[in-house]
Amino acid sequence: MSSPPTTHDSRTSPSSESTEKQDTDGVIERLFPTLADPIRKTGFWTAIVLPFLYVPLLVTGLSTATETGTFLLLLAVNLLALYVGHAHRQ
């Protein structure tokens, strides 16, 4: 027996991947051409180190509005750092 045809093809064309990558990676290069590499490197390492700051907040609990706000701010900064640093390559 043969399997039914699938509508989802996992293969993508290389040209569409490279165009998409250039669109997201080129923003920093266009805005700050000489600082793009240091910005990406800083974003990458910030995204790695920042979750360690969550631990004291989560251990003590988010009982006050200040602690909850601090946690949400750290989470937002971490997401921004992940976005900026995702293209960093050593």
PDB file of N, CA and C in Angstrom:
ATOM      1  N   MET A   1       0.834  -1.175   0.000  1.00  0.00           N
ATOM      2  CA  MET A   1       0.000   0.000   0.000  1.00  0.00           C
ATOM      3  C   MET A   1       0.883   1.243   0.000  1.00  0.00           C
ATOM      4  N   SER A   2       0.422   2.237  -0.657  1.00  0.00           N
ATOM      5  CA  SER A   2       1.202   3.471  -0.693  1.00  0.00           C
ATOM      6  C   SER A   2       0.639   4.465   0.303  1.00  0.00           C
ATOM      7  N   SER A   3       1.496   5.342   0.744  1.00  0.00           N
ATOM      8  CA  SER A   3       1.046   6.352   1.699  1.00  0.00           C
ATOM      9  C   SER A   3       0.365   7.490   0.945  1.00  0.00           C
ATOM     10  N   PRO A   4      -0.581   8.147   1.579  1.00  0.00           N
ATOM     11  CA  PRO A   4      -1.272   9.251   0.914  1.00  0.00           C
ATOM     12  C   PRO A   4      -0.322  10.421   0.716  1.00  0.00           C
ATOM     13  N   PRO A   5      -0.553  11.212  -0.306  1.00  0.00           N
ATOM     14  CA  PRO A   5       0.321  12.370  -0.542  1.00  0.00           C
ATOM     15  C   PRO A   5       0.154  13.400   0.572  1.00  0.00           C
ATOM     16  N   THR A   6       1.243  14.037   0.887  1.00  0.00           N
ATOM     17  CA  THR A   6       1.201  15.079   1.918  1.00  0.00           C
ATOM     18  C   THR A   6       1.171  16.444   1.262  1.00  0.00           C
ATOM     19  N   THR A   7       0.546  17.383   1.943  1.00  0.00           N
ATOM     20  CA  THR A   7       0.457  18.741   1.407  1.00  0.00           C
ATOM     21  C   THR A   7       1.601  19.605   1.889  1.00  0.00           C
ATOM     22  N   HIS A   8       2.319  19.130   2.893  1.00  0.00           N
ATOM     23  CA  HIS A   8       3.415  19.918   3.453  1.00  0.00           C
ATOM     24  C   HIS A   8       4.734  19.353   2.948  1.00  0.00           C
ATOM     25  N   ASP A   9       5.498  20.164   2.271  1.00  0.00           N
ATOM     26  CA  ASP A   9       6.808  19.759   1.792  1.00  0.00           C
ATOM     27  C   ASP A   9       7.846  20.476   2.634  1.00  0.00           C
ATOM     28  N   SER A  10       8.700  19.724   3.336  1.00  0.00           N
ATOM     29  CA  SER A  10       9.663  20.322   4.259  1.00  0.00           C
ATOM     30  C   SER A  10      10.835  20.978   3.549  1.00  0.00           C
ATOM     31  N   ARG A  11      10.975  20.724   2.277  1.00  0.00           N
ATOM     32  CA  ARG A  11      12.078  21.338   1.541  1.00  0.00           C
ATOM     33  C   ARG A  11      11.720  22.765   1.169  1.00  0.00           C
ATOM     34  N   THR A  12      12.681  23.657   1.286  1.00  0.00           N
ATOM     35  CA  THR A  12      12.497  25.037   0.859  1.00  0.00           C
ATOM     36  C   THR A  12      13.607  25.385  -0.099  1.00  0.00           C
ATOM     37  N   SER A  13      13.334  26.324  -0.930  1.00  0.00           N
ATOM     38  CA  SER A  13      14.350  26.710  -1.901  1.00  0.00           C
ATOM     39  C   SER A  13      15.413  27.548  -1.227  1.00  0.00           C
ATOM     40  N   PRO A  14      16.679  27.375  -1.598  1.00  0.00           N
ATOM     41  CA  PRO A  14      17.755  28.153  -0.979  1.00  0.00           C
ATOM     42  C   PRO A  14      17.604  29.641  -1.188  1.00  0.00           C
ATOM     43  N   SER A  15      17.033  30.045  -2.306  1.00  0.00           N
ATOM     44  CA  SER A  15      16.910  31.475  -2.570  1.00  0.00           C
ATOM     45  C   SER A  15      15.945  32.139  -1.605  1.00  0.00           C
ATOM     46  N   SER A  16      14.844  31.456  -1.246  1.00  0.00           N
ATOM     47  CA  SER A  16      13.907  32.057  -0.302  1.00  0.00           C
ATOM     48  C   SER A  16      14.517  32.136   1.090  1.00  0.00           C
ATOM     49  N   GLU A  17      15.308  31.144   1.496  1.00  0.00           N
ATOM     50  CA  GLU A  17      15.969  31.192   2.794  1.00  0.00           C
ATOM     51  C   GLU A  17      16.983  32.319   2.849  1.00  0.00           C
ATOM     52  N   SER A  18      17.782  32.479   1.809  1.00  0.00           N
ATOM     53  CA  SER A  18      18.803  33.518   1.830  1.00  0.00           C
ATOM     54  C   SER A  18      18.180  34.906   1.787  1.00  0.00           C
ATOM     55  N   THR A  19      17.077  35.072   1.063  1.00  0.00           N
ATOM     56  CA  THR A  19      16.405  36.366   1.018  1.00  0.00           C
ATOM     57  C   THR A  19      15.834  36.706   2.384  1.00  0.00           C
ATOM     58  N   GLU A  20      15.204  35.726   3.024  1.00  0.00           N
ATOM     59  CA  GLU A  20      14.647  35.956   4.350  1.00  0.00           C
ATOM     60  C   GLU A  20      15.750  36.285   5.341  1.00  0.00           C
ATOM     61  N   LYS A  21      16.864  35.567   5.296  1.00  0.00           N
ATOM     62  CA  LYS A  21      17.985  35.801   6.205  1.00  0.00           C
ATOM     63  C   LYS A  21      18.575  37.187   5.972  1.00  0.00           C
ATOM     64  N   GLN A  22      18.701  37.605   4.725  1.00  0.00           N
ATOM     65  CA  GLN A  22      19.250  38.921   4.441  1.00  0.00           C
ATOM     66  C   GLN A  22      18.327  40.015   4.968  1.00  0.00           C
ATOM     67  N   ASP A  23      17.024  39.803   4.907  1.00  0.00           N
ATOM     68  CA  ASP A  23      16.088  40.802   5.397  1.00  0.00           C
ATOM     69  C   ASP A  23      16.236  41.018   6.896  1.00  0.00           C
ATOM     70  N   THR A  24      16.367  39.936   7.670  1.00  0.00           N
ATOM     71  CA  THR A  24      16.457  40.090   9.121  1.00  0.00           C
ATOM     72  C   THR A  24      17.863  40.447   9.571  1.00  0.00           C
ATOM     73  N   ASP A  25      18.880  39.952   8.899  1.00  0.00           N
ATOM     74  CA  ASP A  25      20.249  40.217   9.322  1.00  0.00           C
ATOM     75  C   ASP A  25      20.760  41.573   8.843  1.00  0.00           C
ATOM     76  N   GLY A  26      20.180  42.131   7.823  1.00  0.00           N
ATOM     77  CA  GLY A  26      20.697  43.349   7.236  1.00  0.00           C
ATOM     78  C   GLY A  26      20.287  44.623   7.937  1.00  0.00           C
ATOM     79  N   VAL A  27      19.331  44.580   8.826  1.00  0.00           N
ATOM     80  CA  VAL A  27      18.842  45.799   9.467  1.00  0.00           C
ATOM     81  C   VAL A  27      19.945  46.467  10.270  1.00  0.00           C
ATOM     82  N   ILE A  28      20.612  45.720  11.119  1.00  0.00           N
ATOM     83  CA  ILE A  28      21.682  46.303  11.941  1.00  0.00           C
ATOM     84  C   ILE A  28      22.838  46.749  11.067  1.00  0.00           C
ATOM     85  N   GLU A  29      23.150  45.962  10.039  1.00  0.00           N
ATOM     86  CA  GLU A  29      24.247  46.339   9.149  1.00  0.00           C
ATOM     87  C   GLU A  29      23.956  47.634   8.405  1.00  0.00           C
ATOM     88  N   ARG A  30      22.685  47.863   8.052  1.00  0.00           N
ATOM     89  CA  ARG A  30      22.330  49.109   7.359  1.00  0.00           C
ATOM     90  C   ARG A  30      22.341  50.297   8.300  1.00  0.00           C
ATOM     91  N   LEU A  31      21.871  50.097   9.533  1.00  0.00           N
ATOM     92  CA  LEU A  31      21.797  51.212  10.475  1.00  0.00           C
ATOM     93  C   LEU A  31      23.149  51.562  11.089  1.00  0.00           C
ATOM     94  N   PHE A  32      23.915  50.538  11.464  1.00  0.00           N
ATOM     95  CA  PHE A  32      25.203  50.731  12.123  1.00  0.00           C
ATOM     96  C   PHE A  32      26.246  49.830  11.470  1.00  0.00           C
ATOM     97  N   PRO A  33      26.739  50.204  10.297  1.00  0.00           N
ATOM     98  CA  PRO A  33      27.626  49.294   9.562  1.00  0.00           C
ATOM     99  C   PRO A  33      28.900  48.913  10.311  1.00  0.00           C
ATOM    100  N   THR A  34      29.497  49.832  11.031  1.00  0.00           N
ATOM    101  CA  THR A  34      30.758  49.511  11.713  1.00  0.00           C
ATOM    102  C   THR A  34      30.535  48.852  13.071  1.00  0.00           C
ATOM    103  N   LEU A  35      29.341  49.008  13.625  1.00  0.00           N
ATOM    104  CA  LEU A  35      29.057  48.463  14.954  1.00  0.00           C
ATOM    105  C   LEU A  35      28.221  47.185  14.925  1.00  0.00           C
ATOM    106  N   ALA A  36      27.906  46.674  13.756  1.00  0.00           N
ATOM    107  CA  ALA A  36      27.012  45.519  13.653  1.00  0.00           C
ATOM    108  C   ALA A  36      27.558  44.302  14.389  1.00  0.00           C
ATOM    109  N   ASP A  37      28.823  43.986  14.194  1.00  0.00           N
ATOM    110  CA  ASP A  37      29.391  42.803  14.843  1.00  0.00           C
ATOM    111  C   ASP A  37      29.421  42.939  16.367  1.00  0.00           C
ATOM    112  N   PRO A  38      29.897  44.049  16.922  1.00  0.00           N
ATOM    113  CA  PRO A  38      29.860  44.180  18.386  1.00  0.00           C
ATOM    114  C   PRO A  38      28.438  44.173  18.958  1.00  0.00           C
ATOM    115  N   ILE A  39      27.481  44.739  18.229  1.00  0.00           N
ATOM    116  CA  ILE A  39      26.098  44.742  18.701  1.00  0.00           C
ATOM    117  C   ILE A  39      25.555  43.318  18.749  1.00  0.00           C
ATOM    118  N   ARG A  40      25.796  42.545  17.699  1.00  0.00           N
ATOM    119  CA  ARG A  40      25.326  41.149  17.665  1.00  0.00           C
ATOM    120  C   ARG A  40      26.010  40.312  18.749  1.00  0.00           C
ATOM    121  N   LYS A  41      27.308  40.535  18.928  1.00  0.00           N
ATOM    122  CA  LYS A  41      28.045  39.793  19.951  1.00  0.00           C
ATOM    123  C   LYS A  41      27.511  40.118  21.349  1.00  0.00           C
ATOM    124  N   THR A  42      27.256  41.384  21.612  1.00  0.00           N
ATOM    125  CA  THR A  42      26.712  41.796  22.904  1.00  0.00           C
ATOM    126  C   THR A  42      25.310  41.222  23.116  1.00  0.00           C
ATOM    127  N   GLY A  43      24.490  41.246  22.077  1.00  0.00           N
ATOM    128  CA  GLY A  43      23.150  40.668  22.180  1.00  0.00           C
ATOM    129  C   GLY A  43      23.197  39.180  22.459  1.00  0.00           C
ATOM    130  N   PHE A  44      24.113  38.471  21.802  1.00  0.00           N
ATOM    131  CA  PHE A  44      24.259  37.031  21.995  1.00  0.00           C
ATOM    132  C   PHE A  44      24.627  36.703  23.441  1.00  0.00           C
ATOM    133  N   TRP A  45      25.662  37.363  23.952  1.00  0.00           N
ATOM    134  CA  TRP A  45      26.122  37.054  25.306  1.00  0.00           C
ATOM    135  C   TRP A  45      25.158  37.567  26.366  1.00  0.00           C
ATOM    136  N   THR A  46      24.461  38.660  26.095  1.00  0.00           N
ATOM    137  CA  THR A  46      23.442  39.144  27.021  1.00  0.00           C
ATOM    138  C   THR A  46      22.307  38.132  27.129  1.00  0.00           C
ATOM    139  N   ALA A  47      21.911  37.562  25.988  1.00  0.00           N
ATOM    140  CA  ALA A  47      20.845  36.560  25.991  1.00  0.00           C
ATOM    141  C   ALA A  47      21.246  35.310  26.765  1.00  0.00           C
ATOM    142  N   ILE A  48      22.526  35.021  26.829  1.00  0.00           N
ATOM    143  CA  ILE A  48      22.997  33.856  27.585  1.00  0.00           C
ATOM    144  C   ILE A  48      23.056  34.160  29.080  1.00  0.00           C
ATOM    145  N   VAL A  49      23.553  35.333  29.459  1.00  0.00           N
ATOM    146  CA  VAL A  49      23.793  35.660  30.866  1.00  0.00           C
ATOM    147  C   VAL A  49      22.525  36.126  31.586  1.00  0.00           C
ATOM    148  N   LEU A  50      21.637  36.812  30.892  1.00  0.00           N
ATOM    149  CA  LEU A  50      20.476  37.425  31.534  1.00  0.00           C
ATOM    150  C   LEU A  50      19.578  36.447  32.296  1.00  0.00           C
ATOM    151  N   PRO A  51      19.336  35.240  31.830  1.00  0.00           N
ATOM    152  CA  PRO A  51      18.473  34.337  32.610  1.00  0.00           C
ATOM    153  C   PRO A  51      18.981  34.025  34.018  1.00  0.00           C
ATOM    154  N   PHE A  52      20.265  34.185  34.267  1.00  0.00           N
ATOM    155  CA  PHE A  52      20.772  33.967  35.622  1.00  0.00           C
ATOM    156  C   PHE A  52      20.226  35.006  36.603  1.00  0.00           C
ATOM    157  N   LEU A  53      19.810  36.147  36.097  1.00  0.00           N
ATOM    158  CA  LEU A  53      19.216  37.161  36.967  1.00  0.00           C
ATOM    159  C   LEU A  53      17.776  36.821  37.335  1.00  0.00           C
ATOM    160  N   TYR A  54      17.144  35.903  36.617  1.00  0.00           N
ATOM    161  CA  TYR A  54      15.789  35.475  36.947  1.00  0.00           C
ATOM    162  C   TYR A  54      15.766  34.668  38.245  1.00  0.00           C
ATOM    163  N   VAL A  55      16.830  33.937  38.503  1.00  0.00           N
ATOM    164  CA  VAL A  55      16.852  32.974  39.611  1.00  0.00           C
ATOM    165  C   VAL A  55      16.526  33.628  40.950  1.00  0.00           C
ATOM    166  N   PRO A  56      17.199  34.708  41.363  1.00  0.00           N
ATOM    167  CA  PRO A  56      16.850  35.300  42.668  1.00  0.00           C
ATOM    168  C   PRO A  56      15.401  35.781  42.724  1.00  0.00           C
ATOM    169  N   LEU A  57      14.914  36.311  41.625  1.00  0.00           N
ATOM    170  CA  LEU A  57      13.522  36.773  41.624  1.00  0.00           C
ATOM    171  C   LEU A  57      12.545  35.610  41.756  1.00  0.00           C
ATOM    172  N   LEU A  58      12.825  34.527  41.058  1.00  0.00           N
ATOM    173  CA  LEU A  58      11.909  33.394  41.099  1.00  0.00           C
ATOM    174  C   LEU A  58      12.008  32.617  42.410  1.00  0.00           C
ATOM    175  N   VAL A  59      13.194  32.595  43.019  1.00  0.00           N
ATOM    176  CA  VAL A  59      13.357  31.890  44.299  1.00  0.00           C
ATOM    177  C   VAL A  59      12.582  32.600  45.405  1.00  0.00           C
ATOM    178  N   THR A  60      12.669  33.921  45.436  1.00  0.00           N
ATOM    179  CA  THR A  60      11.964  34.674  46.469  1.00  0.00           C
ATOM    180  C   THR A  60      10.488  34.860  46.141  1.00  0.00           C
ATOM    181  N   GLY A  61      10.120  34.645  44.901  1.00  0.00           N
ATOM    182  CA  GLY A  61       8.727  34.799  44.499  1.00  0.00           C
ATOM    183  C   GLY A  61       8.462  36.187  43.968  1.00  0.00           C
ATOM    184  N   LEU A  62       7.461  36.283  43.146  1.00  0.00           N
ATOM    185  CA  LEU A  62       7.084  37.569  42.559  1.00  0.00           C
ATOM    186  C   LEU A  62       5.887  38.120  43.335  1.00  0.00           C
ATOM    187  N   SER A  63       6.131  38.462  44.587  1.00  0.00           N
ATOM    188  CA  SER A  63       5.037  38.847  45.487  1.00  0.00           C
ATOM    189  C   SER A  63       4.657  40.316  45.396  1.00  0.00           C
ATOM    190  N   THR A  64       5.568  41.168  44.943  1.00  0.00           N
ATOM    191  CA  THR A  64       5.247  42.591  44.848  1.00  0.00           C
ATOM    192  C   THR A  64       5.179  43.007  43.386  1.00  0.00           C
ATOM    193  N   ALA A  65       4.579  44.146  43.163  1.00  0.00           N
ATOM    194  CA  ALA A  65       4.467  44.676  41.806  1.00  0.00           C
ATOM    195  C   ALA A  65       5.849  45.032  41.253  1.00  0.00           C
ATOM    196  N   THR A  66       6.745  45.487  42.110  1.00  0.00           N
ATOM    197  CA  THR A  66       8.097  45.831  41.675  1.00  0.00           C
ATOM    198  C   THR A  66       8.851  44.595  41.199  1.00  0.00           C
ATOM    199  N   GLU A  67       8.748  43.506  41.935  1.00  0.00           N
ATOM    200  CA  GLU A  67       9.423  42.264  41.530  1.00  0.00           C
ATOM    201  C   GLU A  67       8.838  41.720  40.224  1.00  0.00           C
ATOM    202  N   THR A  68       7.530  41.773  40.092  1.00  0.00           N
ATOM    203  CA  THR A  68       6.888  41.307  38.864  1.00  0.00           C
ATOM    204  C   THR A  68       7.290  42.184  37.679  1.00  0.00           C
ATOM    205  N   GLY A  69       7.308  43.480  37.889  1.00  0.00           N
ATOM    206  CA  GLY A  69       7.723  44.398  36.830  1.00  0.00           C
ATOM    207  C   GLY A  69       9.175  44.191  36.426  1.00  0.00           C
ATOM    208  N   THR A  70      10.030  43.973  37.416  1.00  0.00           N
ATOM    209  CA  THR A  70      11.441  43.708  37.135  1.00  0.00           C
ATOM    210  C   THR A  70      11.604  42.426  36.332  1.00  0.00           C
ATOM    211  N   PHE A  71      10.871  41.384  36.717  1.00  0.00           N
ATOM    212  CA  PHE A  71      10.933  40.122  35.992  1.00  0.00           C
ATOM    213  C   PHE A  71      10.467  40.295  34.550  1.00  0.00           C
ATOM    214  N   LEU A  72       9.367  40.996  34.340  1.00  0.00           N
ATOM    215  CA  LEU A  72       8.860  41.207  32.979  1.00  0.00           C
ATOM    216  C   LEU A  72       9.808  42.064  32.148  1.00  0.00           C
ATOM    217  N   LEU A  73      10.437  43.049  32.779  1.00  0.00           N
ATOM    218  CA  LEU A  73      11.431  43.867  32.082  1.00  0.00           C
ATOM    219  C   LEU A  73      12.638  43.022  31.669  1.00  0.00           C
ATOM    220  N   LEU A  74      13.124  42.177  32.590  1.00  0.00           N
ATOM    221  CA  LEU A  74      14.241  41.287  32.257  1.00  0.00           C
ATOM    222  C   LEU A  74      13.869  40.335  31.125  1.00  0.00           C
ATOM    223  N   LEU A  75      12.649  39.836  31.148  1.00  0.00           N
ATOM    224  CA  LEU A  75      12.186  38.942  30.095  1.00  0.00           C
ATOM    225  C   LEU A  75      12.130  39.659  28.748  1.00  0.00           C
ATOM    226  N   ALA A  76      11.638  40.887  28.727  1.00  0.00           N
ATOM    227  CA  ALA A  76      11.573  41.658  27.480  1.00  0.00           C
ATOM    228  C   ALA A  76      12.979  41.967  26.949  1.00  0.00           C
ATOM    229  N   VAL A  77      13.887  42.340  27.839  1.00  0.00           N
ATOM    230  CA  VAL A  77      15.266  42.617  27.418  1.00  0.00           C
ATOM    231  C   VAL A  77      15.919  41.344  26.890  1.00  0.00           C
ATOM    232  N   ASN A  78      15.627  40.209  27.528  1.00  0.00           N
ATOM    233  CA  ASN A  78      16.187  38.942  27.073  1.00  0.00           C
ATOM    234  C   ASN A  78      15.671  38.579  25.677  1.00  0.00           C
ATOM    235  N   LEU A  79      14.397  38.784  25.423  1.00  0.00           N
ATOM    236  CA  LEU A  79      13.845  38.507  24.097  1.00  0.00           C
ATOM    237  C   LEU A  79      14.479  39.419  23.036  1.00  0.00           C
ATOM    238  N   LEU A  80      14.680  40.687  23.370  1.00  0.00           N
ATOM    239  CA  LEU A  80      15.342  41.607  22.448  1.00  0.00           C
ATOM    240  C   LEU A  80      16.780  41.172  22.187  1.00  0.00           C
ATOM    241  N   ALA A  81      17.478  40.758  23.230  1.00  0.00           N
ATOM    242  CA  ALA A  81      18.864  40.295  23.076  1.00  0.00           C
ATOM    243  C   ALA A  81      18.921  39.029  22.227  1.00  0.00           C
ATOM    244  N   LEU A  82      17.952  38.130  22.399  1.00  0.00           N
ATOM    245  CA  LEU A  82      17.898  36.930  21.560  1.00  0.00           C
ATOM    246  C   LEU A  82      17.706  37.297  20.098  1.00  0.00           C
ATOM    247  N   TYR A  83      16.828  38.247  19.833  1.00  0.00           N
ATOM    248  CA  TYR A  83      16.569  38.658  18.450  1.00  0.00           C
ATOM    249  C   TYR A  83      17.809  39.305  17.833  1.00  0.00           C
ATOM    250  N   VAL A  84      18.451  40.198  18.574  1.00  0.00           N
ATOM    251  CA  VAL A  84      19.621  40.899  18.046  1.00  0.00           C
ATOM    252  C   VAL A  84      20.807  39.955  17.898  1.00  0.00           C
ATOM    253  N   GLY A  85      21.013  39.065  18.860  1.00  0.00           N
ATOM    254  CA  GLY A  85      22.192  38.231  18.851  1.00  0.00           C
ATOM    255  C   GLY A  85      22.052  36.898  18.164  1.00  0.00           C
ATOM    256  N   HIS A  86      20.890  36.596  17.584  1.00  0.00           N
ATOM    257  CA  HIS A  86      20.693  35.272  16.994  1.00  0.00           C
ATOM    258  C   HIS A  86      21.592  34.995  15.811  1.00  0.00           C
ATOM    259  N   ALA A  87      22.076  36.009  15.154  1.00  0.00           N
ATOM    260  CA  ALA A  87      22.919  35.799  13.964  1.00  0.00           C
ATOM    261  C   ALA A  87      24.405  35.858  14.272  1.00  0.00           C
ATOM    262  N   HIS A  88      24.759  35.980  15.534  1.00  0.00           N
ATOM    263  CA  HIS A  88      26.181  36.057  15.898  1.00  0.00           C
ATOM    264  C   HIS A  88      26.864  34.723  15.610  1.00  0.00           C
ATOM    265  N   ARG A  89      28.012  34.803  14.939  1.00  0.00           N
ATOM    266  CA  ARG A  89      28.819  33.610  14.646  1.00  0.00           C
ATOM    267  C   ARG A  89      30.239  33.869  15.082  1.00  0.00           C
ATOM    268  N   GLN A  90      30.819  32.896  15.737  1.00  0.00           N
ATOM    269  CA  GLN A  90      32.214  33.059  16.157  1.00  0.00           C
ATOM    270  C   GLN A  90      33.136  32.661  15.046  1.00  0.00           C
TER     271      GLN A  90
END
